[in-house]
Amino acid sequence: MTRASRARVALGILALVAILFLFVFPTRSYLAQRRQVARAQHDVDALRKTNADLAQEAARLQTKSVLEGIARDQFNLAHQGEEIFKVLPRPSATTTTVP
């Protein structure tokens, strides 16, 4: 192989490496970033929906009837003059055998 042909091969390899650095590697990085952006956008959309659902639930919990129901059910509260009665379940029947 002559010196000129070696120089051409080296120049060709150098040109190929330059093309890889200029086009292929940045393109891979760009596509990876696009995938990351798409995943992040999906996460943001899911969080926005969850936030809207929670805001709707918070507004529902601020209504007088819901607050009154929670106060009655969870905290056993009643209006002034009302009496609270709790109905307890029937005790389970136990059978004992005498030997």
C-alpha atoms as a PDB file:
ATOM      1  CA  MET A   1       0.000   0.000   0.000  1.00  0.00           C
ATOM      2  CA  THR A   2       1.433   3.312  -0.973  1.00  0.00           C
ATOM      3  CA  ARG A   3       1.741   6.311   1.181  1.00  0.00           C
ATOM      4  CA  ALA A   4      -0.933   8.182  -0.806  1.00  0.00           C
ATOM      5  CA  SER A   5      -3.453   5.341  -0.480  1.00  0.00           C
ATOM      6  CA  ARG A   6      -2.813   5.129   3.268  1.00  0.00           C
ATOM      7  CA  ALA A   7      -3.419   8.836   3.523  1.00  0.00           C
ATOM      8  CA  ARG A   8      -6.720   8.446   1.620  1.00  0.00           C
ATOM      9  CA  VAL A   9      -7.825   5.617   3.913  1.00  0.00           C
ATOM     10  CA  ALA A  10      -6.906   7.644   6.984  1.00  0.00           C
ATOM     11  CA  LEU A  11      -8.718  10.672   5.566  1.00  0.00           C
ATOM     12  CA  GLY A  12     -11.773   8.503   4.831  1.00  0.00           C
ATOM     13  CA  ILE A  13     -11.787   7.110   8.363  1.00  0.00           C
ATOM     14  CA  LEU A  14     -11.387  10.596   9.755  1.00  0.00           C
ATOM     15  CA  ALA A  15     -14.294  11.798   7.607  1.00  0.00           C
ATOM     16  CA  LEU A  16     -16.447   8.863   8.796  1.00  0.00           C
ATOM     17  CA  VAL A  17     -15.672   9.611  12.443  1.00  0.00           C
ATOM     18  CA  ALA A  18     -16.447  13.290  11.841  1.00  0.00           C
ATOM     19  CA  ILE A  19     -19.811  12.351  10.290  1.00  0.00           C
ATOM     20  CA  LEU A  20     -20.585  10.127  13.275  1.00  0.00           C
ATOM     21  CA  PHE A  21     -19.817  12.931  15.716  1.00  0.00           C
ATOM     22  CA  LEU A  22     -21.725  15.511  13.686  1.00  0.00           C
ATOM     23  CA  PHE A  23     -24.878  13.531  12.890  1.00  0.00           C
ATOM     24  CA  VAL A  24     -25.303  10.129  14.515  1.00  0.00           C
ATOM     25  CA  PHE A  25     -24.406  10.829  18.150  1.00  0.00           C
ATOM     26  CA  PRO A  26     -26.365  14.101  18.397  1.00  0.00           C
ATOM     27  CA  THR A  27     -29.343  12.418  16.747  1.00  0.00           C
ATOM     28  CA  ARG A  28     -29.280   9.617  19.338  1.00  0.00           C
ATOM     29  CA  SER A  29     -29.116  12.175  22.128  1.00  0.00           C
ATOM     30  CA  TYR A  30     -31.953  14.155  20.571  1.00  0.00           C
ATOM     31  CA  LEU A  31     -34.174  11.080  20.284  1.00  0.00           C
ATOM     32  CA  ALA A  32     -33.414  10.059  23.879  1.00  0.00           C
ATOM     33  CA  GLN A  33     -34.339  13.556  25.053  1.00  0.00           C
ATOM     34  CA  ARG A  34     -37.575  13.403  23.056  1.00  0.00           C
ATOM     35  CA  ARG A  35     -38.489  10.155  24.830  1.00  0.00           C
ATOM     36  CA  GLN A  36     -37.733  11.747  28.204  1.00  0.00           C
ATOM     37  CA  VAL A  37     -39.866  14.769  27.344  1.00  0.00           C
ATOM     38  CA  ALA A  38     -42.739  12.513  26.253  1.00  0.00           C
ATOM     39  CA  ARG A  39     -42.560  10.551  29.528  1.00  0.00           C
ATOM     40  CA  ALA A  40     -42.422  13.778  31.548  1.00  0.00           C
ATOM     41  CA  GLN A  41     -45.427  15.172  29.639  1.00  0.00           C
ATOM     42  CA  HIS A  42     -47.364  11.982  30.365  1.00  0.00           C
ATOM     43  CA  ASP A  43     -46.511  12.330  34.066  1.00  0.00           C
ATOM     44  CA  VAL A  44     -47.570  15.990  34.067  1.00  0.00           C
ATOM     45  CA  ASP A  45     -50.891  15.107  32.413  1.00  0.00           C
ATOM     46  CA  ALA A  46     -51.543  12.384  34.997  1.00  0.00           C
ATOM     47  CA  LEU A  47     -50.691  14.771  37.851  1.00  0.00           C
ATOM     48  CA  ARG A  48     -52.977  17.462  36.418  1.00  0.00           C
ATOM     49  CA  LYS A  49     -55.856  14.997  36.271  1.00  0.00           C
ATOM     50  CA  THR A  50     -55.168  13.864  39.842  1.00  0.00           C
ATOM     51  CA  ASN A  51     -54.989  17.498  40.963  1.00  0.00           C
ATOM     52  CA  ALA A  52     -58.319  18.286  39.301  1.00  0.00           C
ATOM     53  CA  ASP A  53     -59.926  15.229  40.923  1.00  0.00           C
ATOM     54  CA  LEU A  54     -58.571  16.241  44.337  1.00  0.00           C
ATOM     55  CA  ALA A  55     -59.769  19.829  43.906  1.00  0.00           C
ATOM     56  CA  GLN A  56     -63.237  18.525  43.037  1.00  0.00           C
ATOM     57  CA  GLU A  57     -63.203  16.244  46.104  1.00  0.00           C
ATOM     58  CA  ALA A  58     -62.037  19.136  48.317  1.00  0.00           C
ATOM     59  CA  ALA A  59     -64.906  21.298  47.044  1.00  0.00           C
ATOM     60  CA  ARG A  60     -67.368  18.465  47.720  1.00  0.00           C
ATOM     61  CA  LEU A  61     -66.041  18.058  51.259  1.00  0.00           C
ATOM     62  CA  GLN A  62     -66.689  21.749  51.957  1.00  0.00           C
ATOM     63  CA  THR A  63     -70.452  21.430  51.488  1.00  0.00           C
ATOM     64  CA  LYS A  64     -72.583  21.647  54.616  1.00  0.00           C
ATOM     65  CA  SER A  65     -74.341  18.320  54.122  1.00  0.00           C
ATOM     66  CA  VAL A  66     -71.087  16.384  53.632  1.00  0.00           C
ATOM     67  CA  LEU A  67     -69.462  18.056  56.652  1.00  0.00           C
ATOM     68  CA  GLU A  68     -72.503  17.252  58.756  1.00  0.00           C
ATOM     69  CA  GLY A  69     -72.438  13.623  57.617  1.00  0.00           C
ATOM     70  CA  ILE A  70     -68.746  13.302  58.486  1.00  0.00           C
ATOM     71  CA  ALA A  71     -69.331  14.908  61.891  1.00  0.00           C
ATOM     72  CA  ARG A  72     -72.166  12.468  62.618  1.00  0.00           C
ATOM     73  CA  ASP A  73     -70.502   9.305  61.282  1.00  0.00           C
ATOM     74  CA  GLN A  74     -66.889   9.724  62.304  1.00  0.00           C
ATOM     75  CA  PHE A  75     -67.086  11.917  65.381  1.00  0.00           C
ATOM     76  CA  ASN A  76     -70.510  10.986  66.826  1.00  0.00           C
ATOM     77  CA  LEU A  77     -71.615  14.621  66.893  1.00  0.00           C
ATOM     78  CA  ALA A  78     -75.240  15.723  66.901  1.00  0.00           C
ATOM     79  CA  HIS A  79     -77.211  18.949  66.741  1.00  0.00           C
ATOM     80  CA  GLN A  80     -78.171  20.540  70.018  1.00  0.00           C
ATOM     81  CA  GLY A  81     -81.132  18.699  71.501  1.00  0.00           C
ATOM     82  CA  GLU A  82     -80.607  15.505  69.494  1.00  0.00           C
ATOM     83  CA  GLU A  83     -79.788  12.199  71.123  1.00  0.00           C
ATOM     84  CA  ILE A  84     -77.530   9.591  69.557  1.00  0.00           C
ATOM     85  CA  PHE A  85     -78.406   5.919  69.794  1.00  0.00           C
ATOM     86  CA  LYS A  86     -76.024   3.193  68.721  1.00  0.00           C
ATOM     87  CA  VAL A  87     -77.421  -0.160  67.686  1.00  0.00           C
ATOM     88  CA  LEU A  88     -74.960  -2.847  68.624  1.00  0.00           C
ATOM     89  CA  PRO A  89     -74.822  -6.201  66.859  1.00  0.00           C
ATOM     90  CA  ARG A  90     -76.327  -9.197  68.612  1.00  0.00           C
ATOM     91  CA  PRO A  91     -73.699 -11.108  70.545  1.00  0.00           C
ATOM     92  CA  SER A  92     -72.782 -14.380  68.956  1.00  0.00           C
ATOM     93  CA  ALA A  93     -74.365 -17.398  70.545  1.00  0.00           C
ATOM     94  CA  THR A  94     -71.889 -19.558  72.346  1.00  0.00           C
ATOM     95  CA  THR A  95     -72.613 -23.151  72.939  1.00  0.00           C
ATOM     96  CA  THR A  96     -70.940 -25.023  75.661  1.00  0.00           C
ATOM     97  CA  THR A  97     -71.087 -28.721  76.076  1.00  0.00           C
ATOM     98  CA  VAL A  98     -70.976 -30.251  79.475  1.00  0.00           C
ATOM     99  CA  PRO A  99     -69.142 -33.575  79.597  1.00  0.00           C
END
